[in-house]
């Protein structure tokens, strides 16, 4: 039976409530810092900017229930837009920065996006080019007057920055327009917001093709962030270096909501760079650092690592994929961090279980810890639905405050993962030990986890079927030293074609996210089948390693 400390309670505060609380309690304390450009916001100043941005959004028609996309790396105004939408009851739709044309097209249609806030892109992908390809009429349309046949709900595109692009507002103009909005209208919308409102929608890959919009409420993410901080002994004195992307639950909940609910300072990294992260930790005297295993490896192996003082660090979260024991030891010794692990999924806001900062090293290394307070995590038999005894493997399932409101416009898919008893079924296999700690042992569902990114094999398969010469295709996980898993494609080609890895990768380039593009391509005559005619994907995973070895292909 789960025990809960008497002083730990769930909060009914919204994001706006928490922001305003700290703006009043600690107005002059630093909240958001970009050390590389010495940009510093106190709680009070940031709250003022949020209110100004909220009025600006109201001026272009954003209101309660409007879906507002944020497509950007961790730029300074990313969080401004998140909090601004939250205060007026709009929903921040976080867009993966790696998305390309086809993925963005799908998300904008599926989410009924009202306004898209975006930067000019990332290296190798210009968002402005993509958006003009999808909405050519934007170049000739007066700002705020957009009527798109392709996206009937879309009314505005906002450029996050000072530059001017045809058909788009920029942030300076939004802030200026906000001055024309009456305080009463802002206060009216602000008063209507409550903790059960959907505040964030994140698209996550499942096993059935294209991603689904996970609807998360203030109550979901605020409390998951708060309890994550409790498990790490967070206080308002902590400075958390955030180099993970904000569009993920890792960034926006386990980092941002954790800081928001404890009044801590966020040291922001716009785009992960090992040197910049080390510099920021050193310069700002950070106490907490979050990252996926590949990030910690990059920092530890940087030739200048020894020049920086890491001694102020005390804890952090390593998540996104399995954390190798040797890496945990190295981080502990060289970066002075008692790392914790969080297990969960976007649908559980995301934390279901977490190891505690004061757990023994072995527990933090080999398990994903215990269930969060106010949640019930059970290992259920996939066949019978009954709870498995201690030590017996079954499906990880969760019930509690952290379970999503549902998938956007998809009650059927929601009902498939949340059972009649309210348990969210993860699709992951796990086991509970005699001390109440959980270990993840495998997966039921067909999904690839590459360096923390969830990839639906079916989504990649559906795209590759469009390629001339592809008769049939199966996409599977290939074991990877660097990413945990990577993408492999087994292709049966049509007669008269001679496809190779480069052909396949070029066909995908610019259309699907780089991390989804198959690194390994195998041309085969047939797929291994069961007696009943089902494709044996586990055998394909084995074959991938065998074929790489045979062909002299190095597995990264």
Protein backbone atom coordinates (compact mmCIF):
# COMPACT_ATOMS: atom_id res chain seq x y z
CA UNK A 1 0.00 0.00 0.00
CA UNK A 2 1.30 3.44 -0.94
CA UNK A 3 2.07 5.83 1.93
CA UNK A 4 1.90 9.58 1.43
CA UNK A 5 3.61 12.18 3.57
CA UNK A 6 1.01 14.21 5.41
CA UNK A 7 2.33 17.53 4.08
CA UNK A 8 2.11 16.49 0.41
CA UNK A 9 -1.13 17.55 -1.24
CA UNK A 10 -2.38 17.90 -4.79
CA UNK A 11 -2.77 21.48 -5.97
CA UNK A 12 -5.78 23.03 -7.71
CA UNK A 13 -3.71 25.97 -8.94
CA UNK A 14 -3.40 26.66 -12.65
CA UNK A 15 -0.15 27.59 -14.39
CA UNK A 16 -1.19 31.24 -14.18
CA UNK A 17 -1.98 30.93 -10.45
CA UNK A 18 1.50 29.58 -9.72
CA UNK A 19 3.21 32.22 -11.85
CA UNK A 20 1.32 35.02 -10.14
CA UNK A 21 2.02 33.49 -6.71
CA UNK A 22 5.79 33.63 -7.17
CA UNK A 23 5.61 37.04 -8.89
CA UNK A 24 4.04 38.32 -5.67
CA UNK A 25 6.12 36.28 -3.17
CA UNK A 26 9.55 36.65 -4.81
CA UNK A 27 9.15 39.43 -7.42
CA UNK A 28 12.85 40.23 -7.82
CA UNK A 29 14.14 36.65 -7.83
CA UNK A 30 15.41 35.32 -11.17
CA UNK A 31 13.06 32.86 -12.83
CA UNK A 32 14.28 32.40 -16.42
CA UNK A 33 17.91 32.88 -17.42
CA UNK A 34 19.63 32.52 -20.80
CA UNK A 35 23.24 32.60 -19.67
CA UNK A 36 24.73 32.68 -23.19
CA UNK A 37 23.16 36.09 -23.90
CA UNK A 38 22.79 37.26 -20.29
CA UNK A 39 19.01 37.49 -20.68
CA UNK A 40 17.38 37.40 -17.25
CA UNK A 41 13.72 37.57 -16.26
CA UNK A 42 12.58 37.98 -12.68
CA UNK A 43 9.29 36.38 -11.69
CA UNK A 44 7.56 39.77 -11.72
CA UNK A 45 8.95 40.93 -15.08
CA UNK A 46 8.21 37.60 -16.74
CA UNK A 47 4.64 37.61 -15.42
CA UNK A 48 4.15 41.11 -16.85
CA UNK A 49 5.43 39.97 -20.27
CA UNK A 50 3.08 36.97 -20.15
CA UNK A 51 0.06 39.22 -19.47
CA UNK A 52 1.08 41.55 -22.32
CA UNK A 53 1.45 38.57 -24.68
CA UNK A 54 -1.91 37.17 -23.57
CA UNK A 55 -3.59 40.48 -24.48
CA UNK A 56 -1.77 40.41 -27.81
CA UNK A 57 -3.14 36.94 -28.55
CA UNK A 58 -6.65 38.09 -27.61
CA UNK A 59 -6.27 40.95 -30.12
CA UNK A 60 -5.81 38.44 -32.99
CA UNK A 61 -8.80 36.33 -31.99
CA UNK A 62 -7.28 33.77 -29.63
CA UNK A 63 -9.74 32.96 -26.87
CA UNK A 64 -10.85 30.24 -24.50
CA UNK A 65 -10.53 26.83 -26.22
CA UNK A 66 -8.38 28.09 -29.14
CA UNK A 67 -5.57 25.71 -30.11
CA UNK A 68 -2.28 27.59 -30.46
CA UNK A 69 0.74 25.81 -31.95
CA UNK A 70 4.29 26.48 -30.68
CA UNK A 71 6.89 25.31 -33.20
CA UNK A 72 10.29 26.39 -31.93
CA UNK A 73 13.35 25.36 -30.02
CA UNK A 74 13.75 26.60 -26.43
CA UNK A 75 13.75 30.28 -27.46
CA UNK A 76 13.10 32.93 -24.78
CA UNK A 77 9.45 33.49 -25.70
CA UNK A 78 8.55 29.78 -25.89
CA UNK A 79 7.48 29.86 -22.24
CA UNK A 80 5.87 33.27 -22.67
CA UNK A 81 3.44 31.78 -25.19
CA UNK A 82 2.81 28.72 -23.00
CA UNK A 83 1.82 30.81 -19.99
CA UNK A 84 -0.02 33.43 -22.08
CA UNK A 85 -2.28 30.80 -23.63
CA UNK A 86 -2.79 29.15 -20.24
CA UNK A 87 -4.03 32.38 -18.65
CA UNK A 88 -6.79 32.91 -21.22
CA UNK A 89 -7.95 29.30 -21.44
CA UNK A 90 -6.36 28.56 -24.80
CA UNK A 91 -4.44 25.33 -25.44
CA UNK A 92 -0.72 25.26 -26.28
CA UNK A 93 -0.16 22.62 -28.97
CA UNK A 94 3.52 21.77 -28.74
CA UNK A 95 5.09 20.85 -32.07
CA UNK A 96 8.17 18.66 -32.38
CA UNK A 97 11.02 20.78 -33.74
CA UNK A 98 12.07 17.91 -36.02
CA UNK A 99 8.74 17.81 -37.85
CA UNK A 100 8.82 18.22 -41.58
CA UNK A 101 6.17 19.03 -44.17
CA UNK A 102 3.95 15.94 -44.00
CA UNK A 103 4.00 15.73 -40.20
CA UNK A 104 3.19 19.42 -39.73
CA UNK A 105 0.42 19.20 -42.31
CA UNK A 106 -1.19 16.33 -40.40
CA UNK A 107 -0.84 18.00 -36.99
CA UNK A 108 -2.28 21.34 -38.13
CA UNK A 109 -5.32 19.63 -39.63
CA UNK A 110 -5.86 17.21 -36.76
CA UNK A 111 -5.48 19.83 -34.01
CA UNK A 112 -7.81 22.41 -35.62
CA UNK A 113 -5.03 24.90 -35.06
CA UNK A 114 -6.19 28.51 -34.74
CA UNK A 115 -2.77 30.22 -34.52
CA UNK A 116 0.73 28.93 -35.22
CA UNK A 117 3.67 30.56 -33.40
CA UNK A 118 6.99 29.63 -35.00
CA UNK A 119 10.63 30.52 -35.55
CA UNK A 120 12.49 30.31 -38.86
CA UNK A 121 13.61 26.76 -38.09
CA UNK A 122 16.55 24.59 -37.15
CA UNK A 123 19.69 23.66 -39.09
CA UNK A 124 18.60 21.69 -42.14
CA UNK A 125 14.93 22.60 -41.86
CA UNK A 126 13.50 26.04 -42.59
CA UNK A 127 10.05 26.29 -41.02
CA UNK A 128 9.21 29.38 -43.04
CA UNK A 129 9.75 27.47 -46.31
CA UNK A 130 7.58 24.60 -45.06
CA UNK A 131 4.73 26.90 -43.99
CA UNK A 132 4.77 28.81 -47.30
CA UNK A 133 4.69 25.46 -49.14
CA UNK A 134 1.63 24.42 -47.15
CA UNK A 135 -0.06 27.84 -47.20
CA UNK A 136 1.10 29.67 -50.36
CA UNK A 137 -1.73 32.20 -49.95
CA UNK A 138 0.01 33.46 -46.79
CA UNK A 139 2.38 35.51 -48.97
CA UNK A 140 -0.47 37.55 -50.41
CA UNK A 141 -2.84 37.65 -47.44
CA UNK A 142 -3.19 40.55 -45.03
CA UNK A 143 -2.16 39.58 -41.52
CA UNK A 144 -5.07 38.41 -39.44
CA UNK A 145 -7.21 37.85 -42.56
CA UNK A 146 -6.01 34.37 -43.43
CA UNK A 147 -8.54 32.05 -45.05
CA UNK A 148 -6.92 28.74 -45.81
CA UNK A 149 -8.80 26.06 -47.69
CA UNK A 150 -6.32 23.49 -46.40
CA UNK A 151 -6.66 24.59 -42.74
CA UNK A 152 -10.09 26.17 -42.29
CA UNK A 153 -9.55 26.82 -38.56
CA UNK A 154 -6.19 28.59 -39.01
CA UNK A 155 -6.44 32.37 -38.66
CA UNK A 156 -2.90 33.54 -37.83
CA UNK A 157 0.78 32.75 -38.12
CA UNK A 158 3.05 34.47 -35.59
CA UNK A 159 6.80 34.68 -36.05
CA UNK A 160 8.62 34.41 -32.72
CA UNK A 161 11.24 37.12 -33.16
CA UNK A 162 11.75 40.58 -34.66
CA UNK A 163 12.04 39.63 -38.34
CA UNK A 164 9.11 40.32 -40.66
CA UNK A 165 7.64 37.69 -42.97
CA UNK A 166 4.78 38.10 -45.40
CA UNK A 167 1.41 37.28 -43.91
CA UNK A 168 2.83 36.79 -40.39
CA UNK A 169 2.74 38.87 -37.25
CA UNK A 170 5.94 39.04 -35.20
CA UNK A 171 6.10 39.07 -31.41
CA UNK A 172 6.78 42.81 -31.20
CA UNK A 173 3.57 43.47 -33.17
CA UNK A 174 1.56 41.07 -31.01
CA UNK A 175 2.73 42.88 -27.86
CA UNK A 176 1.85 46.24 -29.45
CA UNK A 177 -1.62 45.06 -30.53
CA UNK A 178 -2.21 43.86 -26.98
CA UNK A 179 -2.17 47.46 -25.75
CA UNK A 180 -5.53 47.94 -27.51
CA UNK A 181 -7.18 45.13 -25.54
CA UNK A 182 -9.16 46.20 -22.50
CA UNK A 183 -7.97 44.83 -19.16
CA UNK A 184 -11.54 43.71 -18.47
CA UNK A 185 -11.50 41.24 -21.38
CA UNK A 186 -8.22 39.73 -20.23
CA UNK A 187 -9.49 39.52 -16.64
CA UNK A 188 -12.76 37.92 -17.82
CA UNK A 189 -10.94 35.12 -19.67
CA UNK A 190 -8.41 34.79 -16.84
CA UNK A 191 -11.24 34.30 -14.31
CA UNK A 192 -12.75 31.46 -16.34
CA UNK A 193 -9.63 29.27 -16.26
CA UNK A 194 -9.59 26.36 -13.85
CA UNK A 195 -7.29 23.45 -13.10
CA UNK A 196 -9.37 20.93 -15.07
CA UNK A 197 -9.01 22.90 -18.34
CA UNK A 198 -6.84 21.37 -21.05
CA UNK A 199 -3.72 23.55 -21.13
CA UNK A 200 -1.33 21.55 -23.32
CA UNK A 201 -1.78 19.15 -26.21
CA UNK A 202 1.15 16.98 -27.23
CA UNK A 203 1.20 14.66 -30.19
CA UNK A 204 2.65 11.26 -29.47
CA UNK A 205 3.38 8.31 -31.73
CA UNK A 206 1.40 5.20 -31.06
CA UNK A 207 1.23 1.86 -32.80
CA UNK A 208 -1.50 2.77 -35.24
CA UNK A 209 0.10 5.21 -37.64
CA UNK A 210 -0.06 8.94 -37.19
CA UNK A 211 0.33 10.58 -33.78
CA UNK A 212 -2.62 11.39 -31.53
CA UNK A 213 -3.16 14.62 -29.61
CA UNK A 214 -2.82 13.95 -25.88
CA UNK A 215 -4.93 16.43 -23.90
CA UNK A 216 -3.26 17.40 -20.62
CA UNK A 217 -4.85 19.63 -17.99
CA UNK A 218 -3.33 22.13 -15.55
CA UNK A 219 -4.07 19.57 -12.82
CA UNK A 220 -2.19 16.84 -14.72
CA UNK A 221 1.06 18.65 -15.40
CA UNK A 222 1.26 21.02 -12.41
CA UNK A 223 0.99 18.17 -9.92
CA UNK A 224 3.28 15.83 -11.83
CA UNK A 225 5.91 18.57 -11.90
CA UNK A 226 5.41 19.32 -8.21
CA UNK A 227 5.77 15.70 -7.07
CA UNK A 228 8.79 15.18 -9.34
CA UNK A 229 10.44 18.05 -7.47
CA UNK A 230 9.46 16.60 -4.09
CA UNK A 231 11.23 13.34 -5.00
CA UNK A 232 14.39 15.38 -5.74
CA UNK A 233 14.19 17.57 -2.61
CA UNK A 234 13.60 20.69 -4.72
CA UNK A 235 13.52 24.14 -3.14
CA UNK A 236 13.33 27.71 -4.37
CA UNK A 237 17.13 27.87 -4.09
CA UNK A 238 17.59 25.32 -6.87
CA UNK A 239 18.78 26.33 -10.32
CA UNK A 240 17.76 23.80 -12.93
CA UNK A 241 19.65 23.72 -16.24
CA UNK A 242 17.20 22.76 -18.99
CA UNK A 243 18.76 21.50 -22.19
CA UNK A 244 15.97 19.07 -23.09
CA UNK A 245 13.33 20.35 -25.56
CA UNK A 246 10.27 22.06 -24.13
CA UNK A 247 7.88 20.46 -26.64
CA UNK A 248 8.34 17.15 -24.76
CA UNK A 249 6.86 16.34 -21.36
CA UNK A 250 10.44 15.96 -20.16
CA UNK A 251 11.08 19.65 -20.74
CA UNK A 252 7.73 21.23 -20.08
CA UNK A 253 6.69 19.10 -17.07
CA UNK A 254 9.66 17.39 -15.40
CA UNK A 255 11.71 20.57 -15.74
CA UNK A 256 9.47 23.65 -16.16
CA UNK A 257 6.50 22.58 -13.99
CA UNK A 258 8.93 21.30 -11.39
CA UNK A 259 10.57 24.77 -11.21
CA UNK A 260 7.23 26.59 -11.39
CA UNK A 261 5.75 24.78 -8.38
CA UNK A 262 8.88 25.16 -6.23
CA UNK A 263 9.80 28.72 -7.19
CA UNK A 264 13.13 27.59 -8.66
CA UNK A 265 15.24 29.25 -11.35
CA UNK A 266 15.39 27.86 -14.90
CA UNK A 267 18.72 28.14 -16.73
CA UNK A 268 17.72 27.66 -20.37
CA UNK A 269 19.64 26.16 -23.28
CA UNK A 270 18.02 27.07 -26.61
CA UNK A 271 19.38 24.04 -28.45
CA UNK A 272 21.40 21.33 -26.76
CA UNK A 273 25.11 21.85 -27.13
CA UNK A 274 27.45 20.05 -24.70
CA UNK A 275 29.85 22.98 -24.37
CA UNK A 276 27.09 25.56 -23.87
CA UNK A 277 25.47 23.34 -21.25
CA UNK A 278 28.76 22.93 -19.34
CA UNK A 279 29.40 26.69 -19.52
CA UNK A 280 25.89 27.46 -18.20
CA UNK A 281 26.18 24.99 -15.31
CA UNK A 282 29.57 26.47 -14.39
CA UNK A 283 28.64 30.14 -14.76
CA UNK A 284 25.21 30.02 -13.10
CA UNK A 285 26.17 27.52 -10.35
CA UNK A 286 23.40 25.14 -11.33
CA UNK A 287 22.23 22.53 -8.83
CA UNK A 288 20.08 20.40 -11.15
CA UNK A 289 20.58 19.11 -14.68
CA UNK A 290 18.16 17.03 -16.78
CA UNK A 291 19.03 15.08 -19.89
CA UNK A 292 18.81 11.89 -21.94
CA UNK A 293 21.79 9.49 -21.85
CA UNK A 294 23.28 10.77 -25.13
CA UNK A 295 23.43 14.32 -23.69
CA UNK A 296 25.35 13.22 -20.59
CA UNK A 297 27.71 11.15 -22.77
CA UNK A 298 28.38 14.20 -25.00
CA UNK A 299 29.18 16.39 -21.98
CA UNK A 300 31.41 13.86 -20.23
CA UNK A 301 33.37 13.22 -23.43
CA UNK A 302 33.79 16.87 -24.40
CA UNK A 303 37.52 17.71 -24.60
CA UNK A 304 36.98 20.78 -22.38
CA UNK A 305 34.94 19.00 -19.69
CA UNK A 306 37.71 19.23 -17.05
CA UNK A 307 37.81 23.04 -17.32
CA UNK A 308 34.37 23.46 -15.76
CA UNK A 309 33.28 23.27 -12.15
CA UNK A 310 30.40 20.79 -11.77
CA UNK A 311 30.56 20.65 -7.98
CA UNK A 312 27.39 22.71 -7.47
CA UNK A 313 25.27 19.98 -9.12
CA UNK A 314 23.42 17.67 -6.74
CA UNK A 315 20.72 15.88 -8.74
CA UNK A 316 18.81 15.64 -12.02
CA UNK A 317 16.80 13.29 -14.17
CA UNK A 318 18.16 10.92 -16.76
CA UNK A 319 15.25 9.68 -18.82
CA UNK A 320 14.05 9.07 -22.35
CA UNK A 321 15.66 5.67 -22.77
CA UNK A 322 17.32 3.07 -20.59
CA UNK A 323 20.16 4.53 -18.55
CA UNK A 324 23.32 2.36 -18.61
CA UNK A 325 24.68 1.62 -15.13
CA UNK A 326 28.25 2.64 -16.06
CA UNK A 327 27.03 6.01 -17.30
CA UNK A 328 25.09 6.61 -14.06
CA UNK A 329 28.30 5.87 -12.11
CA UNK A 330 30.35 8.24 -14.25
CA UNK A 331 27.81 11.06 -13.86
CA UNK A 332 27.73 10.43 -10.13
CA UNK A 333 31.53 10.57 -9.82
CA UNK A 334 32.43 13.33 -12.28
CA UNK A 335 29.34 15.55 -12.13
CA UNK A 336 28.50 15.00 -8.45
CA UNK A 337 24.89 14.12 -9.22
CA UNK A 338 22.57 11.68 -7.52
CA UNK A 339 20.49 11.08 -10.63
CA UNK A 340 16.87 9.94 -10.52
CA UNK A 341 14.92 8.10 -13.23
CA UNK A 342 11.35 8.80 -14.28
CA UNK A 343 9.19 6.26 -16.09
CA UNK A 344 5.97 7.15 -17.83
CA UNK A 345 4.44 8.37 -21.05
CA UNK A 346 2.91 11.54 -22.43
CA UNK A 347 -0.53 10.13 -21.57
CA UNK A 348 0.45 10.08 -17.84
CA UNK A 349 1.78 13.68 -17.80
CA UNK A 350 4.39 11.89 -17.97
CA UNK A 351 5.53 10.43 -14.61
CA UNK A 352 4.10 7.13 -13.34
CA UNK A 353 7.10 6.10 -11.26
CA UNK A 354 10.29 7.79 -10.11
CA UNK A 355 13.33 6.80 -8.11
CA UNK A 356 14.01 9.17 -5.20
CA UNK A 357 17.18 11.23 -4.84
CA UNK A 358 17.99 9.52 -1.52
CA UNK A 359 17.39 5.97 -2.82
CA UNK A 360 20.44 3.68 -2.78
CA UNK A 361 22.55 3.86 -5.95
CA UNK A 362 21.53 0.35 -6.99
CA UNK A 363 17.84 1.27 -6.86
CA UNK A 364 18.39 4.44 -8.90
CA UNK A 365 20.50 2.46 -11.37
CA UNK A 366 18.51 -0.70 -11.94
CA UNK A 367 14.88 0.37 -11.40
CA UNK A 368 12.52 3.21 -12.33
CA UNK A 369 11.57 3.68 -8.71
CA UNK A 370 8.20 3.68 -6.99
CA UNK A 371 4.81 5.01 -8.03
CA UNK A 372 4.03 8.70 -7.65
CA UNK A 373 1.87 9.77 -4.73
CA UNK A 374 -1.88 9.89 -5.50
CA UNK A 375 -1.44 7.34 -8.30
CA UNK A 376 -1.92 3.60 -8.47
CA UNK A 377 0.56 1.73 -10.63
CA UNK A 378 -0.20 -1.92 -11.18
CA UNK A 379 1.37 -4.69 -13.22
CA UNK A 380 -1.58 -6.38 -14.93
CA UNK A 381 -1.72 -9.66 -16.80
CA UNK A 382 -2.31 -8.68 -20.48
CA UNK A 383 -4.55 -11.72 -20.97
CA UNK A 384 -6.70 -11.73 -17.83
CA UNK A 385 -6.44 -8.11 -16.67
CA UNK A 386 -5.68 -9.32 -13.14
CA UNK A 387 -2.84 -7.90 -11.06
CA UNK A 388 0.39 -9.89 -11.30
CA UNK A 389 2.07 -11.05 -8.09
CA UNK A 390 5.39 -9.47 -7.05
CA UNK A 391 8.19 -10.63 -9.35
CA UNK A 392 5.87 -11.60 -12.22
CA UNK A 393 6.06 -9.67 -15.52
CA UNK A 394 2.95 -7.96 -16.89
CA UNK A 395 1.75 -4.69 -18.41
CA UNK A 396 2.49 -1.42 -16.60
CA UNK A 397 -0.80 0.37 -15.94
CA UNK A 398 -1.59 3.57 -14.06
CA UNK A 399 -4.61 5.31 -12.54
CA UNK A 400 -4.70 8.71 -10.89
CA UNK A 401 -4.56 12.50 -11.25
CA UNK A 402 -1.85 12.19 -13.93
CA UNK A 403 -3.87 10.30 -16.55
CA UNK A 404 -4.69 12.43 -19.60
CA UNK A 405 -8.13 13.81 -20.33
CA UNK A 406 -8.08 11.76 -23.54
CA UNK A 407 -6.95 11.86 -27.16
CA UNK A 408 -8.21 14.90 -29.08
CA UNK A 409 -11.34 14.07 -31.13
CA UNK A 410 -10.61 10.36 -30.73
CA UNK A 411 -12.80 8.70 -28.08
CA UNK A 412 -12.30 5.29 -29.73
CA UNK A 413 -8.49 5.43 -29.32
CA UNK A 414 -8.95 6.78 -25.77
CA UNK A 415 -11.17 3.83 -24.84
CA UNK A 416 -8.55 1.44 -26.22
CA UNK A 417 -5.91 2.59 -23.72
CA UNK A 418 -7.94 3.65 -20.65
CA UNK A 419 -9.94 0.70 -19.34
CA UNK A 420 -13.32 0.77 -17.57
CA UNK A 421 -11.55 0.97 -14.21
CA UNK A 422 -9.66 4.13 -15.26
CA UNK A 423 -6.26 2.47 -15.72
CA UNK A 424 -4.04 3.79 -18.50
CA UNK A 425 -2.41 0.86 -20.30
CA UNK A 426 1.16 1.68 -21.24
CA UNK A 427 1.93 -1.16 -23.63
CA UNK A 428 5.18 -1.67 -21.69
CA UNK A 429 6.09 -4.82 -19.80
CA UNK A 430 7.36 -4.43 -16.26
CA UNK A 431 7.75 -6.12 -12.92
CA UNK A 432 7.41 -4.97 -9.31
CA UNK A 433 9.96 -6.11 -6.74
CA UNK A 434 9.48 -6.84 -3.06
CA UNK A 435 10.48 -3.26 -2.14
CA UNK A 436 7.84 -1.68 -4.36
CA UNK A 437 10.27 -0.59 -7.09
CA UNK A 438 9.48 -1.24 -10.74
CA UNK A 439 11.68 -2.45 -13.59
CA UNK A 440 10.77 -2.15 -17.28
CA UNK A 441 11.48 -5.40 -19.11
CA UNK A 442 10.15 -4.91 -22.64
CA UNK A 443 7.17 -3.82 -24.76
CA UNK A 444 3.90 -5.27 -25.91
CA UNK A 445 3.25 -2.51 -28.40
CA UNK A 446 5.15 -2.07 -31.61
CA UNK A 447 7.12 1.12 -31.09
CA UNK A 448 10.72 2.29 -31.51
CA UNK A 449 12.30 4.51 -28.85
CA UNK A 450 15.28 6.31 -30.37
CA UNK A 451 17.15 8.49 -27.90
CA UNK A 452 13.92 9.40 -26.12
CA UNK A 453 11.83 9.94 -29.28
CA UNK A 454 8.88 7.59 -29.77
CA UNK A 455 8.53 6.41 -33.36
CA UNK A 456 5.56 4.53 -34.75
CA UNK A 457 6.85 1.90 -37.24
CA UNK A 458 3.50 2.05 -39.02
CA UNK A 459 3.83 5.79 -39.63
CA UNK A 460 7.21 5.25 -41.33
CA UNK A 461 5.87 2.21 -43.23
CA UNK A 462 2.87 4.20 -44.49
CA UNK A 463 5.20 6.84 -45.87
CA UNK A 464 7.62 4.36 -47.49
CA UNK A 465 4.72 2.64 -49.27
CA UNK A 466 4.47 5.83 -51.36
CA UNK A 467 7.99 5.28 -52.72
CA UNK A 468 8.16 3.95 -56.30
CA UNK A 469 9.68 0.50 -56.24
CA UNK A 470 8.50 -0.45 -52.76
CA UNK A 471 6.25 -3.50 -52.92
CA UNK A 472 6.13 -4.20 -49.19
CA UNK A 473 7.91 -2.79 -46.16
CA UNK A 474 8.34 -3.56 -42.47
CA UNK A 475 9.99 -1.12 -40.07
CA UNK A 476 11.60 -2.39 -36.85
CA UNK A 477 13.89 -1.32 -34.03
CA UNK A 478 17.59 -2.03 -34.49
CA UNK A 479 19.63 -2.14 -31.28
CA UNK A 480 21.91 0.91 -31.09
CA UNK A 481 24.81 1.74 -28.76
CA UNK A 482 24.24 5.48 -29.15
CA UNK A 483 20.43 5.78 -29.16
CA UNK A 484 19.26 2.56 -27.50
CA UNK A 485 17.29 1.80 -30.65
CA UNK A 486 17.40 3.05 -34.23
CA UNK A 487 15.18 2.65 -37.29
CA UNK A 488 15.58 -0.24 -39.70
CA UNK A 489 13.47 -0.87 -42.83
CA UNK A 490 13.06 -4.27 -44.52
CA UNK A 491 11.86 -3.74 -48.09
CA UNK A 492 10.57 -6.14 -50.72
CA UNK A 493 11.06 -4.21 -53.96
CA UNK A 494 9.05 -4.32 -57.17
CA UNK A 495 10.44 -6.02 -60.23
CA UNK A 496 12.75 -3.80 -62.27
CA UNK A 497 13.91 -1.67 -59.33
CA UNK A 498 17.28 -1.65 -57.58
CA UNK A 499 16.78 0.33 -54.36
CA UNK A 500 19.48 1.10 -51.83
CA UNK A 501 19.81 2.83 -48.46
CA UNK A 502 20.60 6.23 -49.98
CA UNK A 503 17.52 6.10 -52.26
CA UNK A 504 15.27 5.44 -49.27
CA UNK A 505 16.82 8.14 -47.09
CA UNK A 506 16.60 10.73 -49.89
CA UNK A 507 12.92 9.89 -50.42
CA UNK A 508 12.25 10.60 -46.72
CA UNK A 509 14.39 13.73 -46.43
CA UNK A 510 12.38 16.89 -45.86
CA UNK A 511 9.09 14.99 -45.54
CA UNK A 512 9.39 13.15 -42.24
CA UNK A 513 11.47 14.02 -39.18
CA UNK A 514 15.15 13.19 -39.46
CA UNK A 515 15.04 10.88 -36.42
CA UNK A 516 12.35 8.74 -38.14
CA UNK A 517 14.35 8.18 -41.34
CA UNK A 518 15.66 4.58 -41.51
CA UNK A 519 19.37 4.41 -40.78
CA UNK A 520 19.47 0.78 -41.92
CA UNK A 521 17.77 -0.51 -45.08
CA UNK A 522 17.62 -4.20 -45.98
CA UNK A 523 16.33 -5.40 -49.35
CA UNK A 524 14.83 -8.88 -48.89
CA UNK A 525 12.81 -11.34 -50.94
CA UNK A 526 10.35 -12.18 -48.16
CA UNK A 527 9.54 -11.60 -44.49
CA UNK A 528 9.70 -14.36 -41.85
CA UNK A 529 6.14 -15.51 -41.09
CA UNK A 530 4.33 -17.54 -38.45
CA UNK A 531 2.31 -20.58 -39.40
CA UNK A 532 -0.83 -18.41 -39.34
CA UNK A 533 0.70 -15.90 -41.76
CA UNK A 534 1.74 -13.15 -39.30
CA UNK A 535 5.04 -11.35 -39.85
CA UNK A 536 7.59 -12.17 -37.12
CA UNK A 537 8.90 -8.72 -36.24
CA UNK A 538 11.10 -10.10 -33.46
CA UNK A 539 12.86 -12.21 -36.10
CA UNK A 540 13.36 -9.13 -38.29
CA UNK A 541 15.08 -7.41 -35.36
CA UNK A 542 17.44 -10.37 -35.07
CA UNK A 543 17.99 -10.42 -38.83
CA UNK A 544 18.93 -6.72 -38.81
CA UNK A 545 21.93 -7.39 -36.57
CA UNK A 546 22.90 -10.49 -38.57
CA UNK A 547 22.72 -8.64 -41.91
CA UNK A 548 24.70 -5.66 -40.61
CA UNK A 549 27.47 -7.98 -39.47
CA UNK A 550 27.40 -9.91 -42.76
CA UNK A 551 27.50 -6.70 -44.86
CA UNK A 552 30.16 -5.05 -42.68
CA UNK A 553 27.79 -2.24 -41.66
CA UNK A 554 28.79 -0.63 -38.37
CA UNK A 555 25.95 -0.28 -35.85
CA UNK A 556 26.17 3.10 -34.15
